[in-house]
Every structure is written in C-alpha cells, then in structure tokens.
Amino acid sequence: METAYQKVKVHNELEWCQVSDLETKEKIEKVLLKNRVSYFVKWEKPKFFSSDKFGNCIFCVNQLQKEIADDAIHDLAEEVKGKIRFVNRKVEKTFY
C-alpha cells in the first residue's frame, strides 16, 4: 500500500546568501545550527583564470525558515557585514 506522500515533490528552498570567505562560511554554519535552521550548501567553482581558490558558497534554506535564518544572522551581521551577499531567489534545479 502506498502512502499519499510518496509522489509529492516539494521545492521550497531559497538561495539565501552567498559567501566567498571560508571563515565567514563557518560562522554562518554555526549560527544556523545553533538556531536549528535546516540548510544545504551549494558550491560554485572559481573561474579558470581567477586567483580565488575558494570559489563561492551559496547557503540554501527552506522558505518557511527564512525569517528564523534572517534573525539568526542579524547578530552576526556586524562582524561579517561586507562578506555576505543576500540572494533570496528560488532554487531552480531539481536534485532528485
């Protein structure tokens, strides 16, 4: 017997913010984990001739937890103000 939830695919993730610094990435991860915000990280590789070895890291959060994530990052914003770029767009790719 099948359950009604097996065929439901929900895409409610947002590309929330973009970071290009490893230290800032770790700080954001700690804050999100502390506030129990579900997230995943997408990596953009650096361009071929770029001197940047880290690339870009995009944090994706659930739409329903966006406000919690915004409140959580507010305390950290003074510390890493210029290193975070907020994107707030819907994830276009389907991962399954």
PDB file of N, CA and C in Angstrom:
ATOM      1  N   MET A   1       0.833  -1.182   0.000  1.00  0.00           N
ATOM      2  CA  MET A   1       0.000   0.000   0.000  1.00  0.00           C
ATOM      3  C   MET A   1       0.883   1.254   0.000  1.00  0.00           C
ATOM      4  N   GLU A   2       0.591   2.177  -0.882  1.00  0.00           N
ATOM      5  CA  GLU A   2       1.358   3.409  -0.984  1.00  0.00           C
ATOM      6  C   GLU A   2       0.777   4.483  -0.080  1.00  0.00           C
ATOM      7  N   THR A   3       1.662   5.328   0.405  1.00  0.00           N
ATOM      8  CA  THR A   3       1.184   6.482   1.160  1.00  0.00           C
ATOM      9  C   THR A   3       0.987   7.645   0.203  1.00  0.00           C
ATOM     10  N   ALA A   4       0.203   8.598   0.622  1.00  0.00           N
ATOM     11  CA  ALA A   4      -0.104   9.746  -0.227  1.00  0.00           C
ATOM     12  C   ALA A   4       1.108  10.651  -0.409  1.00  0.00           C
ATOM     13  N   TYR A   5       2.112  10.551   0.467  1.00  0.00           N
ATOM     14  CA  TYR A   5       3.248  11.455   0.424  1.00  0.00           C
ATOM     15  C   TYR A   5       4.365  10.989  -0.505  1.00  0.00           C
ATOM     16  N   GLN A   6       4.306   9.787  -1.008  1.00  0.00           N
ATOM     17  CA  GLN A   6       5.387   9.272  -1.827  1.00  0.00           C
ATOM     18  C   GLN A   6       5.552  10.011  -3.141  1.00  0.00           C
ATOM     19  N   LYS A   7       4.498  10.459  -3.739  1.00  0.00           N
ATOM     20  CA  LYS A   7       4.581  11.085  -5.052  1.00  0.00           C
ATOM     21  C   LYS A   7       4.631  12.613  -4.998  1.00  0.00           C
ATOM     22  N   VAL A   8       4.648  13.169  -3.795  1.00  0.00           N
ATOM     23  CA  VAL A   8       4.666  14.615  -3.652  1.00  0.00           C
ATOM     24  C   VAL A   8       6.111  15.101  -3.661  1.00  0.00           C
ATOM     25  N   LYS A   9       6.415  16.026  -4.567  1.00  0.00           N
ATOM     26  CA  LYS A   9       7.734  16.645  -4.613  1.00  0.00           C
ATOM     27  C   LYS A   9       7.574  18.118  -4.282  1.00  0.00           C
ATOM     28  N   VAL A  10       8.261  18.545  -3.267  1.00  0.00           N
ATOM     29  CA  VAL A  10       8.139  19.924  -2.818  1.00  0.00           C
ATOM     30  C   VAL A  10       9.475  20.624  -3.025  1.00  0.00           C
ATOM     31  N   HIS A  11       9.444  21.726  -3.720  1.00  0.00           N
ATOM     32  CA  HIS A  11      10.643  22.522  -3.948  1.00  0.00           C
ATOM     33  C   HIS A  11      10.432  23.882  -3.298  1.00  0.00           C
ATOM     34  N   ASN A  12      10.800  23.969  -2.043  1.00  0.00           N
ATOM     35  CA  ASN A  12      10.595  25.229  -1.335  1.00  0.00           C
ATOM     36  C   ASN A  12      11.905  25.752  -0.755  1.00  0.00           C
ATOM     37  N   GLU A  13      13.010  25.506  -1.443  1.00  0.00           N
ATOM     38  CA  GLU A  13      14.292  26.013  -0.999  1.00  0.00           C
ATOM     39  C   GLU A  13      14.589  27.357  -1.661  1.00  0.00           C
ATOM     40  N   LEU A  14      15.261  28.208  -0.906  1.00  0.00           N
ATOM     41  CA  LEU A  14      15.710  29.508  -1.402  1.00  0.00           C
ATOM     42  C   LEU A  14      17.225  29.564  -1.378  1.00  0.00           C
ATOM     43  N   GLU A  15      17.807  30.148  -2.401  1.00  0.00           N
ATOM     44  CA  GLU A  15      19.224  30.507  -2.329  1.00  0.00           C
ATOM     45  C   GLU A  15      19.265  31.753  -1.459  1.00  0.00           C
ATOM     46  N   TRP A  16      19.708  31.594  -0.237  1.00  0.00           N
ATOM     47  CA  TRP A  16      19.559  32.633   0.776  1.00  0.00           C
ATOM     48  C   TRP A  16      20.699  33.639   0.743  1.00  0.00           C
ATOM     49  N   CYS A  17      21.934  33.170   0.842  1.00  0.00           N
ATOM     50  CA  CYS A  17      23.053  34.104   0.826  1.00  0.00           C
ATOM     51  C   CYS A  17      24.272  33.463   0.176  1.00  0.00           C
ATOM     52  N   GLN A  18      25.205  34.315  -0.232  1.00  0.00           N
ATOM     53  CA  GLN A  18      26.416  33.872  -0.917  1.00  0.00           C
ATOM     54  C   GLN A  18      27.627  34.398  -0.163  1.00  0.00           C
ATOM     55  N   VAL A  19      28.621  33.524   0.009  1.00  0.00           N
ATOM     56  CA  VAL A  19      29.823  33.859   0.767  1.00  0.00           C
ATOM     57  C   VAL A  19      31.040  33.431  -0.048  1.00  0.00           C
ATOM     58  N   SER A  20      32.099  34.206   0.010  1.00  0.00           N
ATOM     59  CA  SER A  20      33.321  33.823  -0.695  1.00  0.00           C
ATOM     60  C   SER A  20      34.505  33.704   0.257  1.00  0.00           C
ATOM     61  N   ASP A  21      34.235  33.585   1.539  1.00  0.00           N
ATOM     62  CA  ASP A  21      35.279  33.500   2.557  1.00  0.00           C
ATOM     63  C   ASP A  21      35.006  32.280   3.433  1.00  0.00           C
ATOM     64  N   LEU A  22      35.989  31.426   3.632  1.00  0.00           N
ATOM     65  CA  LEU A  22      35.812  30.187   4.390  1.00  0.00           C
ATOM     66  C   LEU A  22      35.493  30.458   5.858  1.00  0.00           C
ATOM     67  N   GLU A  23      36.117  31.450   6.448  1.00  0.00           N
ATOM     68  CA  GLU A  23      35.863  31.785   7.854  1.00  0.00           C
ATOM     69  C   GLU A  23      34.423  32.257   8.056  1.00  0.00           C
ATOM     70  N   THR A  24      33.936  33.066   7.155  1.00  0.00           N
ATOM     71  CA  THR A  24      32.555  33.548   7.226  1.00  0.00           C
ATOM     72  C   THR A  24      31.581  32.396   7.048  1.00  0.00           C
ATOM     73  N   LYS A  25      31.886  31.484   6.147  1.00  0.00           N
ATOM     74  CA  LYS A  25      31.048  30.300   5.925  1.00  0.00           C
ATOM     75  C   LYS A  25      30.900  29.494   7.208  1.00  0.00           C
ATOM     76  N   GLU A  26      31.986  29.280   7.904  1.00  0.00           N
ATOM     77  CA  GLU A  26      31.947  28.512   9.149  1.00  0.00           C
ATOM     78  C   GLU A  26      31.136  29.230  10.225  1.00  0.00           C
ATOM     79  N   LYS A  27      31.244  30.550  10.298  1.00  0.00           N
ATOM     80  CA  LYS A  27      30.467  31.311  11.276  1.00  0.00           C
ATOM     81  C   LYS A  27      28.971  31.214  10.984  1.00  0.00           C
ATOM     82  N   ILE A  28      28.600  31.315   9.717  1.00  0.00           N
ATOM     83  CA  ILE A  28      27.190  31.207   9.337  1.00  0.00           C
ATOM     84  C   ILE A  28      26.667  29.818   9.654  1.00  0.00           C
ATOM     85  N   GLU A  29      27.447  28.788   9.360  1.00  0.00           N
ATOM     86  CA  GLU A  29      27.024  27.423   9.662  1.00  0.00           C
ATOM     87  C   GLU A  29      26.762  27.240  11.152  1.00  0.00           C
ATOM     88  N   LYS A  30      27.644  27.766  11.988  1.00  0.00           N
ATOM     89  CA  LYS A  30      27.472  27.638  13.439  1.00  0.00           C
ATOM     90  C   LYS A  30      26.201  28.333  13.909  1.00  0.00           C
ATOM     91  N   VAL A  31      25.942  29.512  13.369  1.00  0.00           N
ATOM     92  CA  VAL A  31      24.742  30.256  13.772  1.00  0.00           C
ATOM     93  C   VAL A  31      23.471  29.525  13.329  1.00  0.00           C
ATOM     94  N   LEU A  32      23.466  28.994  12.100  1.00  0.00           N
ATOM     95  CA  LEU A  32      22.296  28.275  11.605  1.00  0.00           C
ATOM     96  C   LEU A  32      22.060  26.996  12.401  1.00  0.00           C
ATOM     97  N   LEU A  33      23.118  26.273  12.715  1.00  0.00           N
ATOM     98  CA  LEU A  33      22.976  25.057  13.512  1.00  0.00           C
ATOM     99  C   LEU A  33      22.491  25.369  14.928  1.00  0.00           C
ATOM    100  N   LYS A  34      22.994  26.445  15.504  1.00  0.00           N
ATOM    101  CA  LYS A  34      22.584  26.847  16.850  1.00  0.00           C
ATOM    102  C   LYS A  34      21.091  27.168  16.900  1.00  0.00           C
ATOM    103  N   ASN A  35      20.574  27.759  15.824  1.00  0.00           N
ATOM    104  CA  ASN A  35      19.161  28.140  15.768  1.00  0.00           C
ATOM    105  C   ASN A  35      18.292  27.081  15.092  1.00  0.00           C
ATOM    106  N   ARG A  36      18.860  25.915  14.825  1.00  0.00           N
ATOM    107  CA  ARG A  36      18.146  24.764  14.271  1.00  0.00           C
ATOM    108  C   ARG A  36      17.491  25.078  12.923  1.00  0.00           C
ATOM    109  N   VAL A  37      18.223  25.756  12.063  1.00  0.00           N
ATOM    110  CA  VAL A  37      17.747  26.084  10.725  1.00  0.00           C
ATOM    111  C   VAL A  37      18.293  25.035   9.755  1.00  0.00           C
ATOM    112  N   SER A  38      17.408  24.429   8.998  1.00  0.00           N
ATOM    113  CA  SER A  38      17.802  23.445   8.010  1.00  0.00           C
ATOM    114  C   SER A  38      18.374  24.168   6.789  1.00  0.00           C
ATOM    115  N   TYR A  39      19.525  23.717   6.334  1.00  0.00           N
ATOM    116  CA  TYR A  39      20.175  24.371   5.191  1.00  0.00           C
ATOM    117  C   TYR A  39      20.984  23.346   4.409  1.00  0.00           C
ATOM    118  N   PHE A  40      21.366  23.719   3.205  1.00  0.00           N
ATOM    119  CA  PHE A  40      22.381  22.987   2.469  1.00  0.00           C
ATOM    120  C   PHE A  40      23.242  23.990   1.724  1.00  0.00           C
ATOM    121  N   VAL A  41      24.426  23.539   1.348  1.00  0.00           N
ATOM    122  CA  VAL A  41      25.412  24.431   0.746  1.00  0.00           C
ATOM    123  C   VAL A  41      25.676  23.996  -0.688  1.00  0.00           C
ATOM    124  N   LYS A  42      25.621  24.956  -1.598  1.00  0.00           N
ATOM    125  CA  LYS A  42      25.992  24.729  -2.994  1.00  0.00           C
ATOM    126  C   LYS A  42      27.316  25.439  -3.233  1.00  0.00           C
ATOM    127  N   TRP A  43      28.194  24.786  -3.953  1.00  0.00           N
ATOM    128  CA  TRP A  43      29.496  25.371  -4.255  1.00  0.00           C
ATOM    129  C   TRP A  43      29.561  25.786  -5.719  1.00  0.00           C
ATOM    130  N   GLU A  44      30.065  26.963  -5.948  1.00  0.00           N
ATOM    131  CA  GLU A  44      30.378  27.433  -7.293  1.00  0.00           C
ATOM    132  C   GLU A  44      31.886  27.463  -7.407  1.00  0.00           C
ATOM    133  N   LYS A  45      32.413  26.721  -8.342  1.00  0.00           N
ATOM    134  CA  LYS A  45      33.860  26.666  -8.511  1.00  0.00           C
ATOM    135  C   LYS A  45      34.377  27.999  -9.042  1.00  0.00           C
ATOM    136  N   PRO A  46      35.614  28.348  -8.674  1.00  0.00           N
ATOM    137  CA  PRO A  46      36.182  29.599  -9.202  1.00  0.00           C
ATOM    138  C   PRO A  46      36.419  29.500 -10.707  1.00  0.00           C
ATOM    139  N   LYS A  47      36.430  30.624 -11.359  1.00  0.00           N
ATOM    140  CA  LYS A  47      36.705  30.675 -12.794  1.00  0.00           C
ATOM    141  C   LYS A  47      38.127  30.193 -13.070  1.00  0.00           C
ATOM    142  N   PHE A  48      38.387  29.821 -14.292  1.00  0.00           N
ATOM    143  CA  PHE A  48      39.659  29.218 -14.652  1.00  0.00           C
ATOM    144  C   PHE A  48      40.849  30.133 -14.365  1.00  0.00           C
ATOM    145  N   PHE A  49      40.752  31.403 -14.724  1.00  0.00           N
ATOM    146  CA  PHE A  49      41.860  32.323 -14.537  1.00  0.00           C
ATOM    147  C   PHE A  49      41.740  33.144 -13.256  1.00  0.00           C
ATOM    148  N   SER A  50      40.845  32.781 -12.377  1.00  0.00           N
ATOM    149  CA  SER A  50      40.643  33.515 -11.134  1.00  0.00           C
ATOM    150  C   SER A  50      41.744  33.182 -10.130  1.00  0.00           C
ATOM    151  N   SER A  51      42.146  34.166  -9.355  1.00  0.00           N
ATOM    152  CA  SER A  51      43.137  33.937  -8.298  1.00  0.00           C
ATOM    153  C   SER A  51      42.470  33.400  -7.030  1.00  0.00           C
ATOM    154  N   ASP A  52      41.155  33.401  -6.990  1.00  0.00           N
ATOM    155  CA  ASP A  52      40.390  32.911  -5.844  1.00  0.00           C
ATOM    156  C   ASP A  52      40.384  31.384  -5.856  1.00  0.00           C
ATOM    157  N   LYS A  53      40.885  30.757  -4.803  1.00  0.00           N
ATOM    158  CA  LYS A  53      40.943  29.306  -4.731  1.00  0.00           C
ATOM    159  C   LYS A  53      39.707  28.711  -4.069  1.00  0.00           C
ATOM    160  N   PHE A  54      38.986  29.501  -3.319  1.00  0.00           N
ATOM    161  CA  PHE A  54      37.835  29.014  -2.559  1.00  0.00           C
ATOM    162  C   PHE A  54      36.577  28.934  -3.398  1.00  0.00           C
ATOM    163  N   GLY A  55      36.350  29.878  -4.262  1.00  0.00           N
ATOM    164  CA  GLY A  55      35.111  29.920  -5.029  1.00  0.00           C
ATOM    165  C   GLY A  55      34.010  30.585  -4.219  1.00  0.00           C
ATOM    166  N   ASN A  56      32.774  30.309  -4.565  1.00  0.00           N
ATOM    167  CA  ASN A  56      31.635  30.868  -3.846  1.00  0.00           C
ATOM    168  C   ASN A  56      30.824  29.755  -3.213  1.00  0.00           C
ATOM    169  N   CYS A  57      30.280  30.055  -2.071  1.00  0.00           N
ATOM    170  CA  CYS A  57      29.456  29.119  -1.328  1.00  0.00           C
ATOM    171  C   CYS A  57      28.078  29.753  -1.195  1.00  0.00           C
ATOM    172  N   ILE A  58      27.038  29.037  -1.605  1.00  0.00           N
ATOM    173  CA  ILE A  58      25.672  29.556  -1.515  1.00  0.00           C
ATOM    174  C   ILE A  58      24.905  28.737  -0.487  1.00  0.00           C
ATOM    175  N   PHE A  59      24.378  29.410   0.518  1.00  0.00           N
ATOM    176  CA  PHE A  59      23.554  28.764   1.529  1.00  0.00           C
ATOM    177  C   PHE A  59      22.104  28.763   1.054  1.00  0.00           C
ATOM    178  N   CYS A  60      21.493  27.598   1.068  1.00  0.00           N
ATOM    179  CA  CYS A  60      20.094  27.451   0.695  1.00  0.00           C
ATOM    180  C   CYS A  60      19.305  27.035   1.937  1.00  0.00           C
ATOM    181  N   VAL A  61      18.209  27.723   2.201  1.00  0.00           N
ATOM    182  CA  VAL A  61      17.363  27.405   3.353  1.00  0.00           C
ATOM    183  C   VAL A  61      15.927  27.191   2.880  1.00  0.00           C
ATOM    184  N   ASN A  62      15.142  26.581   3.715  1.00  0.00           N
ATOM    185  CA  ASN A  62      13.733  26.369   3.449  1.00  0.00           C
ATOM    186  C   ASN A  62      13.007  27.712   3.537  1.00  0.00           C
ATOM    187  N   GLN A  63      12.023  27.928   2.673  1.00  0.00           N
ATOM    188  CA  GLN A  63      11.265  29.188   2.684  1.00  0.00           C
ATOM    189  C   GLN A  63      10.610  29.451   4.035  1.00  0.00           C
ATOM    190  N   LEU A  64      10.159  28.399   4.687  1.00  0.00           N
ATOM    191  CA  LEU A  64       9.474  28.558   5.966  1.00  0.00           C
ATOM    192  C   LEU A  64      10.426  28.948   7.092  1.00  0.00           C
ATOM    193  N   GLN A  65      11.717  28.722   6.912  1.00  0.00           N
ATOM    194  CA  GLN A  65      12.693  29.056   7.934  1.00  0.00           C
ATOM    195  C   GLN A  65      13.521  30.286   7.594  1.00  0.00           C
ATOM    196  N   LYS A  66      13.152  30.980   6.544  1.00  0.00           N
ATOM    197  CA  LYS A  66      13.922  32.147   6.112  1.00  0.00           C
ATOM    198  C   LYS A  66      13.947  33.237   7.178  1.00  0.00           C
ATOM    199  N   GLU A  67      12.827  33.510   7.809  1.00  0.00           N
ATOM    200  CA  GLU A  67      12.772  34.552   8.835  1.00  0.00           C
ATOM    201  C   GLU A  67      13.635  34.192  10.040  1.00  0.00           C
ATOM    202  N   ILE A  68      13.628  32.921  10.422  1.00  0.00           N
ATOM    203  CA  ILE A  68      14.457  32.469  11.538  1.00  0.00           C
ATOM    204  C   ILE A  68      15.930  32.638  11.173  1.00  0.00           C
ATOM    205  N   ALA A  69      16.283  32.300   9.946  1.00  0.00           N
ATOM    206  CA  ALA A  69      17.664  32.447   9.482  1.00  0.00           C
ATOM    207  C   ALA A  69      18.066  33.924   9.446  1.00  0.00           C
ATOM    208  N   ASP A  70      17.181  34.794   8.999  1.00  0.00           N
ATOM    209  CA  ASP A  70      17.468  36.230   8.969  1.00  0.00           C
ATOM    210  C   ASP A  70      17.701  36.772  10.376  1.00  0.00           C
ATOM    211  N   ASP A  71      16.858  36.350  11.327  1.00  0.00           N
ATOM    212  CA  ASP A  71      17.023  36.790  12.714  1.00  0.00           C
ATOM    213  C   ASP A  71      18.327  36.266  13.306  1.00  0.00           C
ATOM    214  N   ALA A  72      18.670  35.030  12.963  1.00  0.00           N
ATOM    215  CA  ALA A  72      19.892  34.425  13.489  1.00  0.00           C
ATOM    216  C   ALA A  72      21.132  35.132  12.963  1.00  0.00           C
ATOM    217  N   ILE A  73      21.122  35.512  11.717  1.00  0.00           N
ATOM    218  CA  ILE A  73      22.295  36.142  11.104  1.00  0.00           C
ATOM    219  C   ILE A  73      22.401  37.619  11.493  1.00  0.00           C
ATOM    220  N   HIS A  74      21.329  38.195  11.996  1.00  0.00           N
ATOM    221  CA  HIS A  74      21.319  39.619  12.356  1.00  0.00           C
ATOM    222  C   HIS A  74      22.399  39.935  13.400  1.00  0.00           C
ATOM    223  N   ASP A  75      22.581  39.065  14.379  1.00  0.00           N
ATOM    224  CA  ASP A  75      23.605  39.288  15.401  1.00  0.00           C
ATOM    225  C   ASP A  75      25.004  39.183  14.823  1.00  0.00           C
ATOM    226  N   LEU A  76      25.161  38.355  13.830  1.00  0.00           N
ATOM    227  CA  LEU A  76      26.459  38.128  13.218  1.00  0.00           C
ATOM    228  C   LEU A  76      26.776  39.184  12.159  1.00  0.00           C
ATOM    229  N   ALA A  77      25.782  39.913  11.714  1.00  0.00           N
ATOM    230  CA  ALA A  77      25.922  40.835  10.587  1.00  0.00           C
ATOM    231  C   ALA A  77      26.973  41.923  10.828  1.00  0.00           C
ATOM    232  N   GLU A  78      27.092  42.402  12.039  1.00  0.00           N
ATOM    233  CA  GLU A  78      28.077  43.445  12.322  1.00  0.00           C
ATOM    234  C   GLU A  78      29.495  42.926  12.125  1.00  0.00           C
ATOM    235  N   GLU A  79      29.696  41.667  12.464  1.00  0.00           N
ATOM    236  CA  GLU A  79      31.015  41.057  12.399  1.00  0.00           C
ATOM    237  C   GLU A  79      31.470  40.772  10.966  1.00  0.00           C
ATOM    238  N   VAL A  80      30.525  40.372  10.130  1.00  0.00           N
ATOM    239  CA  VAL A  80      30.852  39.945   8.764  1.00  0.00           C
ATOM    240  C   VAL A  80      30.029  40.704   7.730  1.00  0.00           C
ATOM    241  N   LYS A  81      29.771  41.946   7.994  1.00  0.00           N
ATOM    242  CA  LYS A  81      28.828  42.739   7.203  1.00  0.00           C
ATOM    243  C   LYS A  81      29.127  42.774   5.706  1.00  0.00           C
ATOM    244  N   GLY A  82      30.350  43.013   5.306  1.00  0.00           N
ATOM    245  CA  GLY A  82      30.667  43.159   3.900  1.00  0.00           C
ATOM    246  C   GLY A  82      30.969  41.855   3.180  1.00  0.00           C
ATOM    247  N   LYS A  83      30.974  40.745   3.900  1.00  0.00           N
ATOM    248  CA  LYS A  83      31.369  39.478   3.302  1.00  0.00           C
ATOM    249  C   LYS A  83      30.195  38.607   2.870  1.00  0.00           C
ATOM    250  N   ILE A  84      28.974  39.008   3.236  1.00  0.00           N
ATOM    251  CA  ILE A  84      27.781  38.225   2.898  1.00  0.00           C
ATOM    252  C   ILE A  84      26.971  38.983   1.856  1.00  0.00           C
ATOM    253  N   ARG A  85      26.559  38.270   0.815  1.00  0.00           N
ATOM    254  CA  ARG A  85      25.659  38.853  -0.191  1.00  0.00           C
ATOM    255  C   ARG A  85      24.364  38.056  -0.166  1.00  0.00           C
ATOM    256  N   PHE A  86      23.256  38.717   0.174  1.00  0.00           N
ATOM    257  CA  PHE A  86      21.967  38.039   0.245  1.00  0.00           C
ATOM    258  C   PHE A  86      21.357  37.934  -1.140  1.00  0.00           C
ATOM    259  N   VAL A  87      20.963  36.716  -1.519  1.00  0.00           N
ATOM    260  CA  VAL A  87      20.472  36.434  -2.860  1.00  0.00           C
ATOM    261  C   VAL A  87      18.946  36.361  -2.864  1.00  0.00           C
ATOM    262  N   ASN A  88      18.368  35.528  -1.995  1.00  0.00           N
ATOM    263  CA  ASN A  88      16.916  35.349  -1.838  1.00  0.00           C
ATOM    264  C   ASN A  88      16.194  35.055  -3.156  1.00  0.00           C
ATOM    265  N   ARG A  89      16.632  34.005  -3.821  1.00  0.00           N
ATOM    266  CA  ARG A  89      15.928  33.566  -5.027  1.00  0.00           C
ATOM    267  C   ARG A  89      15.657  32.065  -4.914  1.00  0.00           C
ATOM    268  N   LYS A  90      14.663  31.619  -5.636  1.00  0.00           N
ATOM    269  CA  LYS A  90      14.240  30.223  -5.586  1.00  0.00           C
ATOM    270  C   LYS A  90      15.266  29.329  -6.274  1.00  0.00           C
ATOM    271  N   VAL A  91      15.524  28.156  -5.706  1.00  0.00           N
ATOM    272  CA  VAL A  91      16.432  27.189  -6.302  1.00  0.00           C
ATOM    273  C   VAL A  91      15.776  26.629  -7.551  1.00  0.00           C
ATOM    274  N   GLU A  92      16.478  26.699  -8.661  1.00  0.00           N
ATOM    275  CA  GLU A  92      15.882  26.290  -9.941  1.00  0.00           C
ATOM    276  C   GLU A  92      16.106  24.826 -10.265  1.00  0.00           C
ATOM    277  N   LYS A  93      17.149  24.218  -9.786  1.00  0.00           N
ATOM    278  CA  LYS A  93      17.471  22.846 -10.132  1.00  0.00           C
ATOM    279  C   LYS A  93      16.720  21.862  -9.242  1.00  0.00           C
ATOM    280  N   THR A  94      16.368  20.742  -9.827  1.00  0.00           N
ATOM    281  CA  THR A  94      15.762  19.652  -9.077  1.00  0.00           C
ATOM    282  C   THR A  94      16.860  18.634  -8.794  1.00  0.00           C
ATOM    283  N   PHE A  95      17.043  18.281  -7.527  1.00  0.00           N
ATOM    284  CA  PHE A  95      18.142  17.413  -7.142  1.00  0.00           C
ATOM    285  C   PHE A  95      17.748  15.965  -7.047  1.00  0.00           C
ATOM    286  N   TYR A  96      16.496  15.624  -7.333  1.00  0.00           N
ATOM    287  CA  TYR A  96      16.081  14.212  -7.321  1.00  0.00           C
ATOM    288  C   TYR A  96      15.117  13.944  -8.433  1.00  0.00           C
TER     289      TYR A  96
END
